[in-house]
């Protein structure tokens, strides 16, 4: 099965769900292909939320910051509204802190 066909839905109708082991962070899954593990989601950081793990993964990840900013604590860099990342499998990123809060849209996918 692939991702479903969707035509312009109001994302505010999707519930923000808390992310385990990351207090103050939430996700809205907009579409997914559970067989392949591909999905598109929105990610929200509350004001002052921070993560504590350095991340690497085996999938591609593209992220666009819609609102606010994220500070990468390891790289000592602030990423802000309008910025974009394309992360190939194995790319190191995080942990993050958001002093002002942040909302991103993220696409994760495996190339088979």
PDB file of N, CA and C in Angstrom:
ATOM      1  N   UNK A   1       0.838  -1.185   0.000  1.00  0.00           N
ATOM      2  CA  UNK A   1       0.000   0.000   0.000  1.00  0.00           C
ATOM      3  C   UNK A   1       0.876   1.238   0.000  1.00  0.00           C
ATOM      4  N   UNK A   2       0.461   2.261  -0.694  1.00  0.00           N
ATOM      5  CA  UNK A   2       1.185   3.521  -0.685  1.00  0.00           C
ATOM      6  C   UNK A   2       0.410   4.538   0.151  1.00  0.00           C
ATOM      7  N   UNK A   3       0.933   5.747   0.228  1.00  0.00           N
ATOM      8  CA  UNK A   3       0.214   6.809   0.927  1.00  0.00           C
ATOM      9  C   UNK A   3      -1.135   7.029   0.256  1.00  0.00           C
ATOM     10  N   UNK A   4      -2.131   7.460   1.019  1.00  0.00           N
ATOM     11  CA  UNK A   4      -3.467   7.656   0.445  1.00  0.00           C
ATOM     12  C   UNK A   4      -3.518   8.894  -0.443  1.00  0.00           C
ATOM     13  N   UNK A   5      -4.482   8.898  -1.331  1.00  0.00           N
ATOM     14  CA  UNK A   5      -4.746  10.083  -2.143  1.00  0.00           C
ATOM     15  C   UNK A   5      -5.551  11.057  -1.297  1.00  0.00           C
ATOM     16  N   UNK A   6      -5.030  12.265  -1.109  1.00  0.00           N
ATOM     17  CA  UNK A   6      -5.697  13.285  -0.291  1.00  0.00           C
ATOM     18  C   UNK A   6      -5.724  14.600  -1.074  1.00  0.00           C
ATOM     19  N   UNK A   7      -6.817  15.306  -0.983  1.00  0.00           N
ATOM     20  CA  UNK A   7      -6.942  16.581  -1.694  1.00  0.00           C
ATOM     21  C   UNK A   7      -7.244  17.698  -0.703  1.00  0.00           C
ATOM     22  N   UNK A   8      -6.263  18.508  -0.388  1.00  0.00           N
ATOM     23  CA  UNK A   8      -6.373  19.709   0.443  1.00  0.00           C
ATOM     24  C   UNK A   8      -7.301  19.572   1.632  1.00  0.00           C
ATOM     25  N   UNK A   9      -6.773  18.992   2.673  1.00  0.00           N
ATOM     26  CA  UNK A   9      -7.476  18.872   3.946  1.00  0.00           C
ATOM     27  C   UNK A   9      -6.990  19.971   4.888  1.00  0.00           C
ATOM     28  N   UNK A  10      -7.820  20.368   5.813  1.00  0.00           N
ATOM     29  CA  UNK A  10      -7.430  21.341   6.820  1.00  0.00           C
ATOM     30  C   UNK A  10      -6.597  20.618   7.882  1.00  0.00           C
ATOM     31  N   UNK A  11      -5.314  20.947   7.966  1.00  0.00           N
ATOM     32  CA  UNK A  11      -4.442  20.240   8.914  1.00  0.00           C
ATOM     33  C   UNK A  11      -4.829  20.507  10.363  1.00  0.00           C
ATOM     34  N   UNK A  12      -5.586  21.562  10.616  1.00  0.00           N
ATOM     35  CA  UNK A  12      -6.037  21.828  11.986  1.00  0.00           C
ATOM     36  C   UNK A  12      -7.032  20.782  12.474  1.00  0.00           C
ATOM     37  N   UNK A  13      -7.546  19.965  11.575  1.00  0.00           N
ATOM     38  CA  UNK A  13      -8.431  18.870  11.964  1.00  0.00           C
ATOM     39  C   UNK A  13      -7.660  17.631  12.412  1.00  0.00           C
ATOM     40  N   UNK A  14      -6.330  17.638  12.242  1.00  0.00           N
ATOM     41  CA  UNK A  14      -5.490  16.533  12.697  1.00  0.00           C
ATOM     42  C   UNK A  14      -5.045  16.840  14.125  1.00  0.00           C
ATOM     43  N   UNK A  15      -5.132  15.844  14.980  1.00  0.00           N
ATOM     44  CA  UNK A  15      -4.792  16.020  16.393  1.00  0.00           C
ATOM     45  C   UNK A  15      -3.271  16.076  16.593  1.00  0.00           C
ATOM     46  N   UNK A  16      -2.823  16.952  17.492  1.00  0.00           N
ATOM     47  CA  UNK A  16      -1.435  16.947  17.933  1.00  0.00           C
ATOM     48  C   UNK A  16      -1.282  15.828  18.960  1.00  0.00           C
ATOM     49  N   UNK A  17      -0.409  14.872  18.698  1.00  0.00           N
ATOM     50  CA  UNK A  17      -0.173  13.755  19.616  1.00  0.00           C
ATOM     51  C   UNK A  17       1.202  13.901  20.256  1.00  0.00           C
ATOM     52  N   UNK A  18       1.299  13.719  21.577  1.00  0.00           N
ATOM     53  CA  UNK A  18       2.602  13.843  22.235  1.00  0.00           C
ATOM     54  C   UNK A  18       3.566  12.762  21.745  1.00  0.00           C
ATOM     55  N   UNK A  19       4.834  13.137  21.671  1.00  0.00           N
ATOM     56  CA  UNK A  19       5.879  12.202  21.251  1.00  0.00           C
ATOM     57  C   UNK A  19       6.509  11.600  22.506  1.00  0.00           C
ATOM     58  N   UNK A  20       6.564  10.278  22.561  1.00  0.00           N
ATOM     59  CA  UNK A  20       7.155   9.585  23.703  1.00  0.00           C
ATOM     60  C   UNK A  20       8.606  10.015  23.892  1.00  0.00           C
ATOM     61  N   UNK A  21       9.017  10.123  25.131  1.00  0.00           N
ATOM     62  CA  UNK A  21      10.407  10.422  25.518  1.00  0.00           C
ATOM     63  C   UNK A  21      10.887  11.784  25.053  1.00  0.00           C
ATOM     64  N   UNK A  22       9.969  12.690  24.694  1.00  0.00           N
ATOM     65  CA  UNK A  22      10.362  14.042  24.291  1.00  0.00           C
ATOM     66  C   UNK A  22       9.297  15.028  24.791  1.00  0.00           C
ATOM     67  N   UNK A  23       9.286  15.302  26.095  1.00  0.00           N
ATOM     68  CA  UNK A  23       8.268  16.201  26.657  1.00  0.00           C
ATOM     69  C   UNK A  23       8.241  17.545  25.927  1.00  0.00           C
ATOM     70  N   UNK A  24       7.021  18.029  25.670  1.00  0.00           N
ATOM     71  CA  UNK A  24       6.873  19.322  25.007  1.00  0.00           C
ATOM     72  C   UNK A  24       6.942  19.251  23.498  1.00  0.00           C
ATOM     73  N   UNK A  25       6.968  18.020  22.934  1.00  0.00           N
ATOM     74  CA  UNK A  25       6.957  17.861  21.479  1.00  0.00           C
ATOM     75  C   UNK A  25       5.738  17.049  21.067  1.00  0.00           C
ATOM     76  N   UNK A  26       5.194  17.404  19.894  1.00  0.00           N
ATOM     77  CA  UNK A  26       3.956  16.801  19.408  1.00  0.00           C
ATOM     78  C   UNK A  26       4.050  16.596  17.901  1.00  0.00           C
ATOM     79  N   UNK A  27       3.268  15.661  17.392  1.00  0.00           N
ATOM     80  CA  UNK A  27       3.240  15.420  15.959  1.00  0.00           C
ATOM     81  C   UNK A  27       1.815  15.291  15.456  1.00  0.00           C
ATOM     82  N   UNK A  28       1.648  15.684  14.197  1.00  0.00           N
ATOM     83  CA  UNK A  28       0.416  15.458  13.445  1.00  0.00           C
ATOM     84  C   UNK A  28       0.816  14.622  12.238  1.00  0.00           C
ATOM     85  N   UNK A  29       0.392  13.375  12.189  1.00  0.00           N
ATOM     86  CA  UNK A  29       0.681  12.538  11.026  1.00  0.00           C
ATOM     87  C   UNK A  29      -0.331  12.899   9.948  1.00  0.00           C
ATOM     88  N   UNK A  30       0.151  13.435   8.829  1.00  0.00           N
ATOM     89  CA  UNK A  30      -0.731  13.866   7.751  1.00  0.00           C
ATOM     90  C   UNK A  30      -1.014  12.753   6.760  1.00  0.00           C
ATOM     91  N   UNK A  31      -0.005  11.953   6.470  1.00  0.00           N
ATOM     92  CA  UNK A  31      -0.192  10.789   5.601  1.00  0.00           C
ATOM     93  C   UNK A  31       0.922   9.796   5.903  1.00  0.00           C
ATOM     94  N   UNK A  32       0.631   8.515   5.644  1.00  0.00           N
ATOM     95  CA  UNK A  32       1.653   7.510   5.914  1.00  0.00           C
ATOM     96  C   UNK A  32       1.428   6.271   5.067  1.00  0.00           C
ATOM     97  N   UNK A  33       2.521   5.574   4.857  1.00  0.00           N
ATOM     98  CA  UNK A  33       2.513   4.251   4.233  1.00  0.00           C
ATOM     99  C   UNK A  33       3.139   3.326   5.267  1.00  0.00           C
ATOM    100  N   UNK A  34       2.315   2.651   6.017  1.00  0.00           N
ATOM    101  CA  UNK A  34       2.811   1.828   7.127  1.00  0.00           C
ATOM    102  C   UNK A  34       3.662   0.657   6.657  1.00  0.00           C
ATOM    103  N   UNK A  35       3.443   0.186   5.436  1.00  0.00           N
ATOM    104  CA  UNK A  35       4.240  -0.930   4.916  1.00  0.00           C
ATOM    105  C   UNK A  35       5.691  -0.519   4.679  1.00  0.00           C
ATOM    106  N   UNK A  36       5.897   0.655   4.117  1.00  0.00           N
ATOM    107  CA  UNK A  36       7.255   1.114   3.842  1.00  0.00           C
ATOM    108  C   UNK A  36       7.849   1.951   4.971  1.00  0.00           C
ATOM    109  N   UNK A  37       6.993   2.500   5.829  1.00  0.00           N
ATOM    110  CA  UNK A  37       7.479   3.362   6.903  1.00  0.00           C
ATOM    111  C   UNK A  37       7.614   4.814   6.483  1.00  0.00           C
ATOM    112  N   UNK A  38       7.089   5.172   5.321  1.00  0.00           N
ATOM    113  CA  UNK A  38       7.156   6.556   4.841  1.00  0.00           C
ATOM    114  C   UNK A  38       6.001   7.349   5.436  1.00  0.00           C
ATOM    115  N   UNK A  39       6.272   8.613   5.791  1.00  0.00           N
ATOM    116  CA  UNK A  39       5.169   9.461   6.240  1.00  0.00           C
ATOM    117  C   UNK A  39       5.508  10.933   6.132  1.00  0.00           C
ATOM    118  N   UNK A  40       4.450  11.723   6.199  1.00  0.00           N
ATOM    119  CA  UNK A  40       4.558  13.174   6.267  1.00  0.00           C
ATOM    120  C   UNK A  40       3.902  13.595   7.567  1.00  0.00           C
ATOM    121  N   UNK A  41       4.579  14.436   8.307  1.00  0.00           N
ATOM    122  CA  UNK A  41       4.030  14.889   9.572  1.00  0.00           C
ATOM    123  C   UNK A  41       4.396  16.336   9.823  1.00  0.00           C
ATOM    124  N   UNK A  42       3.638  16.946  10.721  1.00  0.00           N
ATOM    125  CA  UNK A  42       4.012  18.232  11.293  1.00  0.00           C
ATOM    126  C   UNK A  42       4.570  17.922  12.671  1.00  0.00           C
ATOM    127  N   UNK A  43       5.574  18.683  13.068  1.00  0.00           N
ATOM    128  CA  UNK A  43       6.211  18.500  14.365  1.00  0.00           C
ATOM    129  C   UNK A  43       6.144  19.834  15.095  1.00  0.00           C
ATOM    130  N   UNK A  44       5.749  19.797  16.365  1.00  0.00           N
ATOM    131  CA  UNK A  44       5.639  21.026  17.159  1.00  0.00           C
ATOM    132  C   UNK A  44       6.467  20.901  18.424  1.00  0.00           C
ATOM    133  N   UNK A  45       7.259  21.942  18.695  1.00  0.00           N
ATOM    134  CA  UNK A  45       8.015  22.076  19.937  1.00  0.00           C
ATOM    135  C   UNK A  45       7.367  23.201  20.735  1.00  0.00           C
ATOM    136  N   UNK A  46       6.989  22.945  21.974  1.00  0.00           N
ATOM    137  CA  UNK A  46       6.521  24.011  22.853  1.00  0.00           C
ATOM    138  C   UNK A  46       7.684  24.955  23.164  1.00  0.00           C
ATOM    139  N   UNK A  47       7.359  26.152  23.616  1.00  0.00           N
ATOM    140  CA  UNK A  47       8.388  27.091  24.068  1.00  0.00           C
ATOM    141  C   UNK A  47       9.212  26.415  25.159  1.00  0.00           C
ATOM    142  N   UNK A  48      10.525  26.403  24.989  1.00  0.00           N
ATOM    143  CA  UNK A  48      11.433  25.814  25.975  1.00  0.00           C
ATOM    144  C   UNK A  48      11.632  24.315  25.860  1.00  0.00           C
ATOM    145  N   UNK A  49      10.931  23.649  24.957  1.00  0.00           N
ATOM    146  CA  UNK A  49      11.092  22.194  24.804  1.00  0.00           C
ATOM    147  C   UNK A  49      12.480  21.871  24.281  1.00  0.00           C
ATOM    148  N   UNK A  50      12.998  20.754  24.730  1.00  0.00           N
ATOM    149  CA  UNK A  50      14.287  20.313  24.196  1.00  0.00           C
ATOM    150  C   UNK A  50      14.384  18.804  24.194  1.00  0.00           C
ATOM    151  N   UNK A  51      15.186  18.313  23.246  1.00  0.00           N
ATOM    152  CA  UNK A  51      15.461  16.887  23.163  1.00  0.00           C
ATOM    153  C   UNK A  51      16.875  16.652  23.676  1.00  0.00           C
ATOM    154  N   UNK A  52      17.190  15.394  23.973  1.00  0.00           N
ATOM    155  CA  UNK A  52      18.488  15.111  24.590  1.00  0.00           C
ATOM    156  C   UNK A  52      19.295  14.075  23.823  1.00  0.00           C
ATOM    157  N   UNK A  53      18.754  13.598  22.702  1.00  0.00           N
ATOM    158  CA  UNK A  53      19.447  12.561  21.930  1.00  0.00           C
ATOM    159  C   UNK A  53      19.962  13.101  20.605  1.00  0.00           C
ATOM    160  N   UNK A  54      21.153  12.645  20.236  1.00  0.00           N
ATOM    161  CA  UNK A  54      21.648  12.871  18.888  1.00  0.00           C
ATOM    162  C   UNK A  54      20.957  11.851  18.001  1.00  0.00           C
ATOM    163  N   UNK A  55      20.502  12.286  16.830  1.00  0.00           N
ATOM    164  CA  UNK A  55      19.714  11.429  15.955  1.00  0.00           C
ATOM    165  C   UNK A  55      20.469  11.033  14.699  1.00  0.00           C
ATOM    166  N   UNK A  56      20.304   9.802  14.301  1.00  0.00           N
ATOM    167  CA  UNK A  56      20.662   9.297  12.973  1.00  0.00           C
ATOM    168  C   UNK A  56      19.609   8.248  12.654  1.00  0.00           C
ATOM    169  N   UNK A  57      19.320   8.074  11.375  1.00  0.00           N
ATOM    170  CA  UNK A  57      18.328   7.073  10.998  1.00  0.00           C
ATOM    171  C   UNK A  57      18.620   6.552   9.609  1.00  0.00           C
ATOM    172  N   UNK A  58      17.912   5.500   9.229  1.00  0.00           N
ATOM    173  CA  UNK A  58      18.169   4.804   7.968  1.00  0.00           C
ATOM    174  C   UNK A  58      17.263   5.274   6.832  1.00  0.00           C
ATOM    175  N   UNK A  59      16.504   6.324   7.038  1.00  0.00           N
ATOM    176  CA  UNK A  59      15.613   6.844   6.013  1.00  0.00           C
ATOM    177  C   UNK A  59      16.016   8.264   5.637  1.00  0.00           C
ATOM    178  N   UNK A  60      15.503   8.728   4.502  1.00  0.00           N
ATOM    179  CA  UNK A  60      15.655  10.121   4.095  1.00  0.00           C
ATOM    180  C   UNK A  60      14.677  10.960   4.893  1.00  0.00           C
ATOM    181  N   UNK A  61      15.071  12.194   5.185  1.00  0.00           N
ATOM    182  CA  UNK A  61      14.205  13.096   5.926  1.00  0.00           C
ATOM    183  C   UNK A  61      14.362  14.501   5.358  1.00  0.00           C
ATOM    184  N   UNK A  62      13.234  15.121   5.030  1.00  0.00           N
ATOM    185  CA  UNK A  62      13.229  16.513   4.589  1.00  0.00           C
ATOM    186  C   UNK A  62      12.379  17.299   5.571  1.00  0.00           C
ATOM    187  N   UNK A  63      12.883  18.449   5.998  1.00  0.00           N
ATOM    188  CA  UNK A  63      12.217  19.246   7.027  1.00  0.00           C
ATOM    189  C   UNK A  63      12.202  20.707   6.603  1.00  0.00           C
ATOM    190  N   UNK A  64      11.043  21.347   6.758  1.00  0.00           N
ATOM    191  CA  UNK A  64      10.898  22.777   6.495  1.00  0.00           C
ATOM    192  C   UNK A  64      10.322  23.418   7.759  1.00  0.00           C
ATOM    193  N   UNK A  65      10.956  24.485   8.239  1.00  0.00           N
ATOM    194  CA  UNK A  65      10.489  25.171   9.442  1.00  0.00           C
ATOM    195  C   UNK A  65       9.426  26.189   9.043  1.00  0.00           C
ATOM    196  N   UNK A  66       8.206  25.941   9.506  1.00  0.00           N
ATOM    197  CA  UNK A  66       7.064  26.800   9.200  1.00  0.00           C
ATOM    198  C   UNK A  66       7.034  28.020  10.109  1.00  0.00           C
ATOM    199  N   UNK A  67       7.341  27.799  11.388  1.00  0.00           N
ATOM    200  CA  UNK A  67       7.215  28.859  12.383  1.00  0.00           C
ATOM    201  C   UNK A  67       8.221  28.630  13.498  1.00  0.00           C
ATOM    202  N   UNK A  68       8.806  29.708  14.028  1.00  0.00           N
ATOM    203  CA  UNK A  68       9.699  29.606  15.174  1.00  0.00           C
ATOM    204  C   UNK A  68      11.100  29.175  14.785  1.00  0.00           C
ATOM    205  N   UNK A  69      11.763  28.477  15.712  1.00  0.00           N
ATOM    206  CA  UNK A  69      13.133  28.064  15.460  1.00  0.00           C
ATOM    207  C   UNK A  69      13.571  26.904  16.318  1.00  0.00           C
ATOM    208  N   UNK A  70      14.614  26.236  15.839  1.00  0.00           N
ATOM    209  CA  UNK A  70      15.244  25.122  16.547  1.00  0.00           C
ATOM    210  C   UNK A  70      16.733  25.404  16.675  1.00  0.00           C
ATOM    211  N   UNK A  71      17.260  25.183  17.853  1.00  0.00           N
ATOM    212  CA  UNK A  71      18.690  25.322  18.088  1.00  0.00           C
ATOM    213  C   UNK A  71      19.280  23.924  18.192  1.00  0.00           C
ATOM    214  N   UNK A  72      20.225  23.604  17.305  1.00  0.00           N
ATOM    215  CA  UNK A  72      20.927  22.321  17.352  1.00  0.00           C
ATOM    216  C   UNK A  72      22.043  22.468  18.378  1.00  0.00           C
ATOM    217  N   UNK A  73      21.897  21.780  19.501  1.00  0.00           N
ATOM    218  CA  UNK A  73      22.825  21.940  20.614  1.00  0.00           C
ATOM    219  C   UNK A  73      24.218  21.416  20.284  1.00  0.00           C
ATOM    220  N   UNK A  74      24.329  20.391  19.462  1.00  0.00           N
ATOM    221  CA  UNK A  74      25.645  19.847  19.113  1.00  0.00           C
ATOM    222  C   UNK A  74      26.365  20.750  18.107  1.00  0.00           C
ATOM    223  N   UNK A  75      25.634  21.220  17.111  1.00  0.00           N
ATOM    224  CA  UNK A  75      26.235  22.072  16.073  1.00  0.00           C
ATOM    225  C   UNK A  75      26.320  23.526  16.494  1.00  0.00           C
ATOM    226  N   UNK A  76      25.629  23.873  17.592  1.00  0.00           N
ATOM    227  CA  UNK A  76      25.582  25.248  18.079  1.00  0.00           C
ATOM    228  C   UNK A  76      25.090  26.200  16.978  1.00  0.00           C
ATOM    229  N   UNK A  77      23.986  25.786  16.334  1.00  0.00           N
ATOM    230  CA  UNK A  77      23.396  26.564  15.254  1.00  0.00           C
ATOM    231  C   UNK A  77      21.901  26.721  15.477  1.00  0.00           C
ATOM    232  N   UNK A  78      21.395  27.914  15.164  1.00  0.00           N
ATOM    233  CA  UNK A  78      19.968  28.190  15.239  1.00  0.00           C
ATOM    234  C   UNK A  78      19.387  28.113  13.831  1.00  0.00           C
ATOM    235  N   UNK A  79      18.319  27.337  13.671  1.00  0.00           N
ATOM    236  CA  UNK A  79      17.618  27.205  12.406  1.00  0.00           C
ATOM    237  C   UNK A  79      16.236  27.822  12.592  1.00  0.00           C
ATOM    238  N   UNK A  80      15.824  28.685  11.654  1.00  0.00           N
ATOM    239  CA  UNK A  80      14.633  29.495  11.853  1.00  0.00           C
ATOM    240  C   UNK A  80      13.635  29.357  10.708  1.00  0.00           C
ATOM    241  N   UNK A  81      12.496  29.995  10.905  1.00  0.00           N
ATOM    242  CA  UNK A  81      11.393  29.991   9.957  1.00  0.00           C
ATOM    243  C   UNK A  81      11.878  30.194   8.520  1.00  0.00           C
ATOM    244  N   UNK A  82      11.388  29.330   7.630  1.00  0.00           N
ATOM    245  CA  UNK A  82      11.758  29.420   6.223  1.00  0.00           C
ATOM    246  C   UNK A  82      12.967  28.585   5.848  1.00  0.00           C
ATOM    247  N   UNK A  83      13.646  27.964   6.822  1.00  0.00           N
ATOM    248  CA  UNK A  83      14.823  27.152   6.519  1.00  0.00           C
ATOM    249  C   UNK A  83      14.401  25.712   6.223  1.00  0.00           C
ATOM    250  N   UNK A  84      15.239  25.021   5.452  1.00  0.00           N
ATOM    251  CA  UNK A  84      14.939  23.681   4.939  1.00  0.00           C
ATOM    252  C   UNK A  84      16.157  22.790   5.126  1.00  0.00           C
ATOM    253  N   UNK A  85      15.914  21.511   5.435  1.00  0.00           N
ATOM    254  CA  UNK A  85      16.980  20.507   5.541  1.00  0.00           C
ATOM    255  C   UNK A  85      16.599  19.280   4.731  1.00  0.00           C
ATOM    256  N   UNK A  86      17.584  18.671   4.090  1.00  0.00           N
ATOM    257  CA  UNK A  86      17.420  17.382   3.413  1.00  0.00           C
ATOM    258  C   UNK A  86      18.498  16.473   3.980  1.00  0.00           C
ATOM    259  N   UNK A  87      18.078  15.466   4.739  1.00  0.00           N
ATOM    260  CA  UNK A  87      19.011  14.606   5.461  1.00  0.00           C
ATOM    261  C   UNK A  87      19.016  13.203   4.872  1.00  0.00           C
ATOM    262  N   UNK A  88      20.145  12.801   4.309  1.00  0.00           N
ATOM    263  CA  UNK A  88      20.244  11.420   3.822  1.00  0.00           C
ATOM    264  C   UNK A  88      20.394  10.459   5.005  1.00  0.00           C
ATOM    265  N   UNK A  89      20.170   9.173   4.765  1.00  0.00           N
ATOM    266  CA  UNK A  89      20.373   8.193   5.839  1.00  0.00           C
ATOM    267  C   UNK A  89      21.771   8.335   6.449  1.00  0.00           C
ATOM    268  N   UNK A  90      21.826   8.273   7.778  1.00  0.00           N
ATOM    269  CA  UNK A  90      23.102   8.340   8.489  1.00  0.00           C
ATOM    270  C   UNK A  90      23.546   9.733   8.896  1.00  0.00           C
ATOM    271  N   UNK A  91      22.871  10.785   8.425  1.00  0.00           N
ATOM    272  CA  UNK A  91      23.271  12.145   8.790  1.00  0.00           C
ATOM    273  C   UNK A  91      22.967  12.409  10.261  1.00  0.00           C
ATOM    274  N   UNK A  92      23.948  12.916  10.982  1.00  0.00           N
ATOM    275  CA  UNK A  92      23.807  13.211  12.410  1.00  0.00           C
ATOM    276  C   UNK A  92      23.138  14.578  12.574  1.00  0.00           C
ATOM    277  N   UNK A  93      22.158  14.658  13.492  1.00  0.00           N
ATOM    278  CA  UNK A  93      21.516  15.933  13.806  1.00  0.00           C
ATOM    279  C   UNK A  93      20.950  15.882  15.225  1.00  0.00           C
ATOM    280  N   UNK A  94      20.732  17.077  15.784  1.00  0.00           N
ATOM    281  CA  UNK A  94      20.235  17.177  17.153  1.00  0.00           C
ATOM    282  C   UNK A  94      21.342  16.908  18.156  1.00  0.00           C
ATOM    283  N   UNK A  95      20.972  16.971  19.431  1.00  0.00           N
ATOM    284  CA  UNK A  95      19.686  17.280  20.029  1.00  0.00           C
ATOM    285  C   UNK A  95      19.316  18.760  19.852  1.00  0.00           C
ATOM    286  N   UNK A  96      18.012  19.046  20.063  1.00  0.00           N
ATOM    287  CA  UNK A  96      17.479  20.367  19.785  1.00  0.00           C
ATOM    288  C   UNK A  96      16.873  21.022  21.016  1.00  0.00           C
ATOM    289  N   UNK A  97      16.826  22.356  20.950  1.00  0.00           N
ATOM    290  CA  UNK A  97      16.109  23.154  21.945  1.00  0.00           C
ATOM    291  C   UNK A  97      15.356  24.233  21.178  1.00  0.00           C
ATOM    292  N   UNK A  98      14.160  24.564  21.647  1.00  0.00           N
ATOM    293  CA  UNK A  98      13.391  25.629  21.014  1.00  0.00           C
ATOM    294  C   UNK A  98      12.991  26.652  22.068  1.00  0.00           C
ATOM    295  N   UNK A  99      13.668  27.780  22.060  1.00  0.00           N
ATOM    296  CA  UNK A  99      13.384  28.834  23.040  1.00  0.00           C
ATOM    297  C   UNK A  99      12.067  29.530  22.779  1.00  0.00           C
ATOM    298  N   UNK A 100      11.670  29.612  21.507  1.00  0.00           N
ATOM    299  CA  UNK A 100      10.458  30.349  21.129  1.00  0.00           C
ATOM    300  C   UNK A 100       9.324  29.444  20.650  1.00  0.00           C
ATOM    301  N   UNK A 101       9.548  28.129  20.626  1.00  0.00           N
ATOM    302  CA  UNK A 101       8.587  27.201  20.043  1.00  0.00           C
ATOM    303  C   UNK A 101       8.874  27.042  18.560  1.00  0.00           C
ATOM    304  N   UNK A 102       8.356  25.978  17.971  1.00  0.00           N
ATOM    305  CA  UNK A 102       8.659  25.703  16.575  1.00  0.00           C
ATOM    306  C   UNK A 102       7.610  24.761  15.989  1.00  0.00           C
ATOM    307  N   UNK A 103       7.283  24.977  14.714  1.00  0.00           N
ATOM    308  CA  UNK A 103       6.450  24.038  13.963  1.00  0.00           C
ATOM    309  C   UNK A 103       7.153  23.765  12.638  1.00  0.00           C
ATOM    310  N   UNK A 104       7.288  22.478  12.316  1.00  0.00           N
ATOM    311  CA  UNK A 104       7.914  22.072  11.056  1.00  0.00           C
ATOM    312  C   UNK A 104       6.966  21.143  10.299  1.00  0.00           C
ATOM    313  N   UNK A 105       7.267  20.961   9.025  1.00  0.00           N
ATOM    314  CA  UNK A 105       6.658  19.886   8.259  1.00  0.00           C
ATOM    315  C   UNK A 105       7.805  18.994   7.816  1.00  0.00           C
ATOM    316  N   UNK A 106       7.589  17.700   7.912  1.00  0.00           N
ATOM    317  CA  UNK A 106       8.668  16.735   7.705  1.00  0.00           C
ATOM    318  C   UNK A 106       8.174  15.576   6.844  1.00  0.00           C
ATOM    319  N   UNK A 107       8.982  15.200   5.880  1.00  0.00           N
ATOM    320  CA  UNK A 107       8.711  14.032   5.056  1.00  0.00           C
ATOM    321  C   UNK A 107       9.811  13.019   5.314  1.00  0.00           C
ATOM    322  N   UNK A 108       9.434  11.802   5.671  1.00  0.00           N
ATOM    323  CA  UNK A 108      10.384  10.709   5.886  1.00  0.00           C
ATOM    324  C   UNK A 108      10.073   9.609   4.876  1.00  0.00           C
ATOM    325  N   UNK A 109      11.137   9.091   4.244  1.00  0.00           N
ATOM    326  CA  UNK A 109      10.901   8.046   3.278  1.00  0.00           C
ATOM    327  C   UNK A 109      12.140   7.184   3.082  1.00  0.00           C
ATOM    328  N   UNK A 110      11.875   5.945   2.735  1.00  0.00           N
ATOM    329  CA  UNK A 110      12.919   4.978   2.383  1.00  0.00           C
ATOM    330  C   UNK A 110      12.952   4.881   0.869  1.00  0.00           C
ATOM    331  N   UNK A 111      14.134   4.810   0.316  1.00  0.00           N
ATOM    332  CA  UNK A 111      14.288   4.567  -1.117  1.00  0.00           C
ATOM    333  C   UNK A 111      14.604   3.095  -1.263  1.00  0.00           C
ATOM    334  N   UNK A 112      13.703   2.359  -1.864  1.00  0.00           N
ATOM    335  CA  UNK A 112      13.868   0.895  -2.018  1.00  0.00           C
ATOM    336  C   UNK A 112      14.277   0.565  -3.438  1.00  0.00           C
TER     337      UNK A 112
END
